[in-house]
Amino acid sequence: MDFFDAINTSSAALSAQRLRMNLISGNLANINTTRTNQGGPYRRKEAVFAADPLDQSFKRILKDRQNKHLSTVKVARVVEDRNPPVMKYDPQHPDADAKGYVAMPNINLMEEMVNMISATRGYEANVTALKAAKEMALKALEIGR
């Protein structure tokens, strides 16, 4: 792996983890949102990651087949949770139905916090890898003097 492959891999992972953290933040901010523009309660959003080849040129594909396959991560899509909302009894709520139940978002605070910690750790690991690649490049330039 050359220097630019290391930078590209880490930067793609940083972008993906940043988007994941933004989605988690949105989920936490809307944990009590019972009415959206689409109607009904807020639906939890989650990023789906996929491998993305660094280079699609014939030379690179041939080299990958001979050696190993290098790829970066990308966000393939953002999906909404399709689980039914949590029904909470609150007859005083403005969005309560005839029986007094309110459809609340199906967001688990603990699960979202664990996901946020995981995304933060992934982000930190890629920052560390990026710094290490930069330091190795600087040391290589010092050797050349």
N, C-alpha and C. Protein backbone atom coordinates (compact mmCIF):
# COMPACT_ATOMS: atom_id res chain seq x y z
N MET A 1 0.85 -1.17 0.00
CA MET A 1 0.00 0.00 0.00
C MET A 1 0.89 1.23 0.00
N ASP A 2 0.66 2.13 -0.94
CA ASP A 2 1.47 3.34 -0.95
C ASP A 2 0.84 4.42 -0.08
N PHE A 3 1.53 5.51 0.01
CA PHE A 3 1.13 6.61 0.90
C PHE A 3 -0.26 7.13 0.57
N PHE A 4 -0.55 7.35 -0.71
CA PHE A 4 -1.84 7.92 -1.09
C PHE A 4 -2.99 6.94 -0.88
N ASP A 5 -2.74 5.64 -1.02
CA ASP A 5 -3.78 4.64 -0.71
C ASP A 5 -4.14 4.70 0.77
N ALA A 6 -3.13 4.86 1.63
CA ALA A 6 -3.38 4.96 3.07
C ALA A 6 -4.19 6.20 3.39
N ILE A 7 -3.85 7.31 2.76
CA ILE A 7 -4.59 8.56 2.98
C ILE A 7 -6.02 8.43 2.49
N ASN A 8 -6.20 7.86 1.28
CA ASN A 8 -7.55 7.69 0.72
C ASN A 8 -8.41 6.78 1.57
N THR A 9 -7.82 5.69 2.05
CA THR A 9 -8.57 4.74 2.89
C THR A 9 -9.03 5.40 4.18
N SER A 10 -8.11 6.09 4.85
CA SER A 10 -8.46 6.75 6.12
C SER A 10 -9.45 7.89 5.91
N SER A 11 -9.28 8.66 4.86
CA SER A 11 -10.19 9.79 4.65
C SER A 11 -11.60 9.31 4.30
N ALA A 12 -11.70 8.23 3.53
CA ALA A 12 -13.03 7.68 3.22
C ALA A 12 -13.70 7.17 4.49
N ALA A 13 -12.93 6.52 5.35
CA ALA A 13 -13.49 6.02 6.61
C ALA A 13 -13.90 7.18 7.52
N LEU A 14 -13.12 8.25 7.54
CA LEU A 14 -13.49 9.43 8.34
C LEU A 14 -14.81 10.01 7.86
N SER A 15 -14.98 10.13 6.57
CA SER A 15 -16.24 10.66 6.02
C SER A 15 -17.43 9.76 6.36
N ALA A 16 -17.22 8.46 6.25
CA ALA A 16 -18.30 7.52 6.55
C ALA A 16 -18.68 7.57 8.03
N GLN A 17 -17.69 7.61 8.91
CA GLN A 17 -17.98 7.66 10.36
C GLN A 17 -18.61 9.00 10.74
N ARG A 18 -18.20 10.09 10.07
CA ARG A 18 -18.81 11.39 10.35
C ARG A 18 -20.30 11.37 10.00
N LEU A 19 -20.64 10.79 8.84
CA LEU A 19 -22.05 10.68 8.45
C LEU A 19 -22.81 9.81 9.45
N ARG A 20 -22.18 8.72 9.87
CA ARG A 20 -22.82 7.84 10.86
C ARG A 20 -23.09 8.59 12.16
N MET A 21 -22.12 9.40 12.62
CA MET A 21 -22.32 10.18 13.85
C MET A 21 -23.43 11.22 13.67
N ASN A 22 -23.51 11.83 12.48
CA ASN A 22 -24.58 12.79 12.22
C ASN A 22 -25.96 12.12 12.26
N LEU A 23 -26.06 10.92 11.70
CA LEU A 23 -27.33 10.19 11.74
C LEU A 23 -27.72 9.83 13.17
N ILE A 24 -26.74 9.38 13.94
CA ILE A 24 -27.02 9.03 15.35
C ILE A 24 -27.44 10.26 16.12
N SER A 25 -26.79 11.39 15.88
CA SER A 25 -27.16 12.65 16.54
C SER A 25 -28.60 13.03 16.19
N GLY A 26 -28.95 12.85 14.93
CA GLY A 26 -30.32 13.14 14.51
C GLY A 26 -31.32 12.22 15.18
N ASN A 27 -30.95 10.95 15.32
CA ASN A 27 -31.82 10.00 16.02
C ASN A 27 -32.04 10.43 17.47
N LEU A 28 -30.96 10.83 18.14
CA LEU A 28 -31.07 11.25 19.53
C LEU A 28 -31.87 12.55 19.67
N ALA A 29 -31.67 13.46 18.73
CA ALA A 29 -32.40 14.74 18.78
C ALA A 29 -33.90 14.55 18.57
N ASN A 30 -34.27 13.50 17.85
CA ASN A 30 -35.69 13.27 17.53
C ASN A 30 -36.29 12.11 18.32
N ILE A 31 -35.73 11.80 19.45
CA ILE A 31 -36.19 10.64 20.23
C ILE A 31 -37.64 10.80 20.71
N ASN A 32 -38.11 12.04 20.80
CA ASN A 32 -39.49 12.28 21.24
C ASN A 32 -40.36 12.94 20.17
N THR A 33 -39.91 12.92 18.90
CA THR A 33 -40.66 13.56 17.82
C THR A 33 -41.79 12.63 17.37
N THR A 34 -43.01 13.10 17.59
CA THR A 34 -44.17 12.27 17.26
C THR A 34 -44.83 12.67 15.94
N ARG A 35 -44.42 13.81 15.38
CA ARG A 35 -45.05 14.28 14.15
C ARG A 35 -43.96 14.79 13.19
N THR A 36 -43.90 14.19 12.01
CA THR A 36 -42.93 14.62 11.00
C THR A 36 -43.68 15.12 9.76
N ASN A 37 -42.95 15.67 8.80
CA ASN A 37 -43.57 16.13 7.55
C ASN A 37 -44.18 14.97 6.77
N GLN A 38 -43.58 13.77 6.90
CA GLN A 38 -44.10 12.59 6.20
C GLN A 38 -45.30 11.99 6.91
N GLY A 39 -45.57 12.45 8.11
CA GLY A 39 -46.67 11.92 8.91
C GLY A 39 -46.17 10.84 9.84
N GLY A 40 -46.72 10.78 11.01
CA GLY A 40 -46.31 9.78 11.99
C GLY A 40 -45.05 10.17 12.73
N PRO A 41 -44.58 9.28 13.59
CA PRO A 41 -43.39 9.58 14.39
C PRO A 41 -42.11 9.50 13.55
N TYR A 42 -41.06 10.09 14.08
CA TYR A 42 -39.74 10.04 13.45
C TYR A 42 -39.29 8.59 13.33
N ARG A 43 -38.65 8.26 12.22
CA ARG A 43 -38.10 6.91 12.02
C ARG A 43 -36.59 6.97 12.13
N ARG A 44 -36.05 6.07 12.94
CA ARG A 44 -34.60 5.98 13.16
C ARG A 44 -33.88 5.77 11.83
N LYS A 45 -32.76 6.45 11.65
CA LYS A 45 -31.96 6.32 10.42
C LYS A 45 -30.62 5.68 10.74
N GLU A 46 -30.13 4.89 9.79
CA GLU A 46 -28.87 4.19 9.99
C GLU A 46 -28.12 4.12 8.66
N ALA A 47 -26.79 4.24 8.73
CA ALA A 47 -25.94 4.16 7.53
C ALA A 47 -25.58 2.71 7.24
N VAL A 48 -25.59 2.36 5.97
CA VAL A 48 -25.15 1.03 5.52
C VAL A 48 -23.83 1.23 4.79
N PHE A 49 -22.78 0.61 5.32
CA PHE A 49 -21.45 0.74 4.72
C PHE A 49 -21.22 -0.35 3.69
N ALA A 50 -20.37 -0.03 2.70
CA ALA A 50 -19.99 -1.01 1.67
C ALA A 50 -18.54 -0.73 1.27
N ALA A 51 -17.88 -1.76 0.78
CA ALA A 51 -16.51 -1.60 0.29
C ALA A 51 -16.54 -0.90 -1.06
N ASP A 52 -15.58 -0.03 -1.28
CA ASP A 52 -15.47 0.72 -2.53
C ASP A 52 -14.04 0.59 -3.04
N PRO A 53 -13.82 -0.05 -4.18
CA PRO A 53 -12.45 -0.20 -4.69
C PRO A 53 -11.78 1.16 -4.86
N LEU A 54 -10.47 1.21 -4.57
CA LEU A 54 -9.73 2.47 -4.68
C LEU A 54 -9.65 2.97 -6.11
N ASP A 55 -9.46 2.06 -7.03
CA ASP A 55 -9.23 2.44 -8.42
C ASP A 55 -9.86 1.37 -9.31
N GLN A 56 -10.58 1.77 -10.33
CA GLN A 56 -11.25 0.81 -11.21
C GLN A 56 -10.52 0.61 -12.53
N SER A 57 -9.28 1.10 -12.64
CA SER A 57 -8.56 0.93 -13.89
C SER A 57 -8.17 -0.54 -14.10
N PHE A 58 -7.95 -0.90 -15.37
CA PHE A 58 -7.59 -2.28 -15.70
C PHE A 58 -6.31 -2.68 -14.98
N LYS A 59 -5.32 -1.78 -14.97
CA LYS A 59 -4.04 -2.07 -14.33
C LYS A 59 -4.24 -2.40 -12.84
N ARG A 60 -5.08 -1.61 -12.18
CA ARG A 60 -5.31 -1.82 -10.75
C ARG A 60 -6.06 -3.12 -10.51
N ILE A 61 -7.05 -3.40 -11.31
CA ILE A 61 -7.83 -4.64 -11.14
C ILE A 61 -6.93 -5.85 -11.34
N LEU A 62 -6.07 -5.80 -12.35
CA LEU A 62 -5.12 -6.89 -12.59
C LEU A 62 -4.18 -7.06 -11.41
N LYS A 63 -3.68 -5.96 -10.89
CA LYS A 63 -2.78 -6.01 -9.75
C LYS A 63 -3.49 -6.57 -8.51
N ASP A 64 -4.75 -6.17 -8.32
CA ASP A 64 -5.53 -6.67 -7.19
C ASP A 64 -5.72 -8.18 -7.27
N ARG A 65 -5.94 -8.68 -8.47
CA ARG A 65 -6.13 -10.13 -8.65
C ARG A 65 -4.84 -10.88 -8.36
N GLN A 66 -3.70 -10.26 -8.64
CA GLN A 66 -2.41 -10.90 -8.40
C GLN A 66 -2.02 -10.83 -6.93
N ASN A 67 -2.33 -9.74 -6.28
CA ASN A 67 -1.92 -9.54 -4.89
C ASN A 67 -3.12 -9.66 -3.96
N LYS A 68 -3.48 -8.55 -3.40
CA LYS A 68 -4.65 -8.50 -2.53
C LYS A 68 -5.52 -7.34 -2.93
N HIS A 69 -6.77 -7.41 -2.57
CA HIS A 69 -7.73 -6.39 -2.95
C HIS A 69 -7.76 -5.28 -1.90
N LEU A 70 -7.43 -4.06 -2.28
CA LEU A 70 -7.49 -2.91 -1.39
C LEU A 70 -8.76 -2.14 -1.69
N SER A 71 -9.44 -1.75 -0.66
CA SER A 71 -10.66 -0.97 -0.87
C SER A 71 -10.86 0.00 0.27
N THR A 72 -11.72 0.96 0.03
CA THR A 72 -12.11 1.91 1.06
C THR A 72 -13.55 1.61 1.45
N VAL A 73 -14.04 2.34 2.41
CA VAL A 73 -15.42 2.18 2.83
C VAL A 73 -16.21 3.38 2.33
N LYS A 74 -17.45 3.15 2.00
CA LYS A 74 -18.34 4.25 1.63
C LYS A 74 -19.71 3.95 2.22
N VAL A 75 -20.51 4.99 2.32
CA VAL A 75 -21.89 4.81 2.77
C VAL A 75 -22.71 4.46 1.53
N ALA A 76 -23.16 3.21 1.48
CA ALA A 76 -23.93 2.75 0.33
C ALA A 76 -25.30 3.41 0.29
N ARG A 77 -25.92 3.51 1.46
CA ARG A 77 -27.24 4.14 1.53
C ARG A 77 -27.58 4.41 2.99
N VAL A 78 -28.56 5.23 3.19
CA VAL A 78 -29.11 5.51 4.52
C VAL A 78 -30.49 4.90 4.56
N VAL A 79 -30.73 4.04 5.54
CA VAL A 79 -32.01 3.35 5.63
C VAL A 79 -32.78 3.83 6.86
N GLU A 80 -34.09 3.81 6.73
CA GLU A 80 -34.96 4.12 7.86
C GLU A 80 -35.41 2.83 8.51
N ASP A 81 -35.50 2.85 9.81
CA ASP A 81 -35.96 1.69 10.57
C ASP A 81 -37.42 1.43 10.23
N ARG A 82 -37.75 0.18 9.92
CA ARG A 82 -39.12 -0.17 9.56
C ARG A 82 -39.89 -0.82 10.71
N ASN A 83 -39.28 -0.86 11.90
CA ASN A 83 -39.98 -1.41 13.05
C ASN A 83 -41.15 -0.49 13.43
N PRO A 84 -42.21 -1.07 13.96
CA PRO A 84 -43.37 -0.24 14.32
C PRO A 84 -43.02 0.71 15.47
N PRO A 85 -43.70 1.84 15.53
CA PRO A 85 -43.44 2.78 16.63
C PRO A 85 -43.88 2.19 17.97
N VAL A 86 -43.33 2.76 19.02
CA VAL A 86 -43.69 2.35 20.39
C VAL A 86 -44.96 3.12 20.77
N MET A 87 -45.96 2.39 21.21
CA MET A 87 -47.21 3.02 21.60
C MET A 87 -47.16 3.33 23.10
N LYS A 88 -47.32 4.60 23.44
CA LYS A 88 -47.22 5.06 24.82
C LYS A 88 -48.56 5.69 25.22
N TYR A 89 -49.05 5.30 26.37
CA TYR A 89 -50.33 5.84 26.84
C TYR A 89 -50.13 7.23 27.42
N ASP A 90 -50.70 8.21 26.76
CA ASP A 90 -50.62 9.61 27.21
C ASP A 90 -51.81 10.36 26.61
N PRO A 91 -52.97 10.25 27.26
CA PRO A 91 -54.18 10.86 26.68
C PRO A 91 -54.13 12.38 26.57
N GLN A 92 -53.24 13.04 27.30
CA GLN A 92 -53.13 14.50 27.26
C GLN A 92 -52.28 15.00 26.08
N HIS A 93 -51.56 14.09 25.43
CA HIS A 93 -50.66 14.47 24.33
C HIS A 93 -51.49 14.89 23.11
N PRO A 94 -51.07 15.95 22.39
CA PRO A 94 -51.85 16.39 21.21
C PRO A 94 -51.92 15.36 20.09
N ASP A 95 -50.98 14.43 20.02
CA ASP A 95 -50.98 13.42 18.96
C ASP A 95 -51.58 12.09 19.40
N ALA A 96 -52.25 12.07 20.55
CA ALA A 96 -52.84 10.83 21.05
C ALA A 96 -54.03 10.42 20.18
N ASP A 97 -54.18 9.10 20.00
CA ASP A 97 -55.32 8.60 19.23
C ASP A 97 -56.56 8.56 20.12
N ALA A 98 -57.64 7.99 19.61
CA ALA A 98 -58.91 7.95 20.35
C ALA A 98 -58.80 7.18 21.66
N LYS A 99 -57.89 6.21 21.73
CA LYS A 99 -57.70 5.40 22.94
C LYS A 99 -56.69 6.02 23.90
N GLY A 100 -56.07 7.14 23.52
CA GLY A 100 -55.12 7.81 24.39
C GLY A 100 -53.67 7.40 24.17
N TYR A 101 -53.39 6.66 23.12
CA TYR A 101 -52.02 6.20 22.86
C TYR A 101 -51.34 7.10 21.83
N VAL A 102 -50.05 7.33 22.05
CA VAL A 102 -49.23 8.15 21.17
C VAL A 102 -48.17 7.25 20.53
N ALA A 103 -48.01 7.37 19.23
CA ALA A 103 -46.97 6.62 18.52
C ALA A 103 -45.64 7.36 18.69
N MET A 104 -44.72 6.75 19.41
CA MET A 104 -43.40 7.33 19.68
C MET A 104 -42.35 6.66 18.80
N PRO A 105 -41.27 7.37 18.47
CA PRO A 105 -40.21 6.76 17.67
C PRO A 105 -39.62 5.54 18.38
N ASN A 106 -39.28 4.52 17.59
CA ASN A 106 -38.70 3.30 18.13
C ASN A 106 -37.18 3.47 18.22
N ILE A 107 -36.74 4.34 19.13
CA ILE A 107 -35.32 4.65 19.31
C ILE A 107 -34.93 4.28 20.73
N ASN A 108 -33.91 3.43 20.84
CA ASN A 108 -33.39 3.01 22.13
C ASN A 108 -32.19 3.89 22.46
N LEU A 109 -32.29 4.67 23.53
CA LEU A 109 -31.23 5.60 23.92
C LEU A 109 -29.90 4.89 24.13
N MET A 110 -29.91 3.76 24.83
CA MET A 110 -28.67 3.03 25.10
C MET A 110 -28.02 2.51 23.82
N GLU A 111 -28.83 1.99 22.91
CA GLU A 111 -28.31 1.49 21.64
C GLU A 111 -27.67 2.62 20.84
N GLU A 112 -28.30 3.78 20.82
CA GLU A 112 -27.76 4.93 20.09
C GLU A 112 -26.46 5.41 20.72
N MET A 113 -26.38 5.39 22.04
CA MET A 113 -25.14 5.82 22.71
C MET A 113 -24.00 4.85 22.42
N VAL A 114 -24.29 3.55 22.41
CA VAL A 114 -23.27 2.56 22.07
C VAL A 114 -22.81 2.75 20.62
N ASN A 115 -23.75 3.00 19.72
CA ASN A 115 -23.41 3.26 18.32
C ASN A 115 -22.56 4.53 18.19
N MET A 116 -22.87 5.56 18.98
CA MET A 116 -22.09 6.80 18.94
C MET A 116 -20.67 6.55 19.44
N ILE A 117 -20.52 5.79 20.50
CA ILE A 117 -19.18 5.47 21.01
C ILE A 117 -18.40 4.68 19.98
N SER A 118 -19.06 3.71 19.33
CA SER A 118 -18.41 2.91 18.30
C SER A 118 -17.97 3.78 17.12
N ALA A 119 -18.82 4.68 16.68
CA ALA A 119 -18.48 5.58 15.57
C ALA A 119 -17.33 6.50 15.97
N THR A 120 -17.35 6.99 17.19
CA THR A 120 -16.27 7.86 17.68
C THR A 120 -14.95 7.12 17.71
N ARG A 121 -14.96 5.88 18.19
CA ARG A 121 -13.73 5.08 18.24
C ARG A 121 -13.22 4.79 16.83
N GLY A 122 -14.11 4.49 15.90
CA GLY A 122 -13.72 4.28 14.52
C GLY A 122 -13.11 5.54 13.91
N TYR A 123 -13.70 6.68 14.22
CA TYR A 123 -13.18 7.95 13.73
C TYR A 123 -11.79 8.20 14.30
N GLU A 124 -11.64 7.99 15.62
CA GLU A 124 -10.34 8.20 16.26
C GLU A 124 -9.27 7.27 15.70
N ALA A 125 -9.63 6.02 15.43
CA ALA A 125 -8.67 5.06 14.89
C ALA A 125 -8.19 5.51 13.50
N ASN A 126 -9.08 6.04 12.71
CA ASN A 126 -8.69 6.49 11.37
C ASN A 126 -7.88 7.78 11.42
N VAL A 127 -8.14 8.64 12.39
CA VAL A 127 -7.30 9.83 12.57
C VAL A 127 -5.89 9.41 12.95
N THR A 128 -5.78 8.41 13.83
CA THR A 128 -4.48 7.90 14.23
C THR A 128 -3.74 7.28 13.05
N ALA A 129 -4.44 6.52 12.23
CA ALA A 129 -3.81 5.91 11.05
C ALA A 129 -3.36 7.00 10.07
N LEU A 130 -4.16 8.04 9.90
CA LEU A 130 -3.79 9.14 9.02
C LEU A 130 -2.55 9.86 9.53
N LYS A 131 -2.50 10.10 10.83
CA LYS A 131 -1.32 10.75 11.42
C LYS A 131 -0.08 9.88 11.25
N ALA A 132 -0.23 8.57 11.42
CA ALA A 132 0.92 7.66 11.26
C ALA A 132 1.43 7.67 9.83
N ALA A 133 0.53 7.68 8.87
CA ALA A 133 0.94 7.72 7.45
C ALA A 133 1.66 9.03 7.15
N LYS A 134 1.16 10.12 7.71
CA LYS A 134 1.79 11.42 7.51
C LYS A 134 3.19 11.45 8.12
N GLU A 135 3.32 10.92 9.34
CA GLU A 135 4.63 10.89 10.00
C GLU A 135 5.63 10.02 9.25
N MET A 136 5.16 8.88 8.70
CA MET A 136 6.06 8.03 7.92
C MET A 136 6.53 8.75 6.65
N ALA A 137 5.63 9.48 6.02
CA ALA A 137 6.00 10.22 4.82
C ALA A 137 7.01 11.30 5.15
N LEU A 138 6.83 11.99 6.26
CA LEU A 138 7.77 13.02 6.68
C LEU A 138 9.13 12.43 7.01
N LYS A 139 9.15 11.28 7.66
CA LYS A 139 10.42 10.61 7.98
C LYS A 139 11.11 10.18 6.69
N ALA A 140 10.36 9.71 5.73
CA ALA A 140 10.95 9.31 4.44
C ALA A 140 11.58 10.51 3.74
N LEU A 141 10.94 11.68 3.85
CA LEU A 141 11.50 12.89 3.25
C LEU A 141 12.78 13.33 3.98
N GLU A 142 12.81 13.14 5.30
CA GLU A 142 14.01 13.48 6.06
C GLU A 142 15.19 12.58 5.70
N ILE A 143 14.91 11.33 5.41
CA ILE A 143 15.96 10.40 5.02
C ILE A 143 16.60 10.84 3.72
N GLY A 144 15.80 11.40 2.83
CA GLY A 144 16.27 11.82 1.51
C GLY A 144 17.15 13.05 1.53
N ARG A 145 17.24 13.74 2.65
CA ARG A 145 18.05 14.96 2.72
C ARG A 145 19.52 14.67 2.75
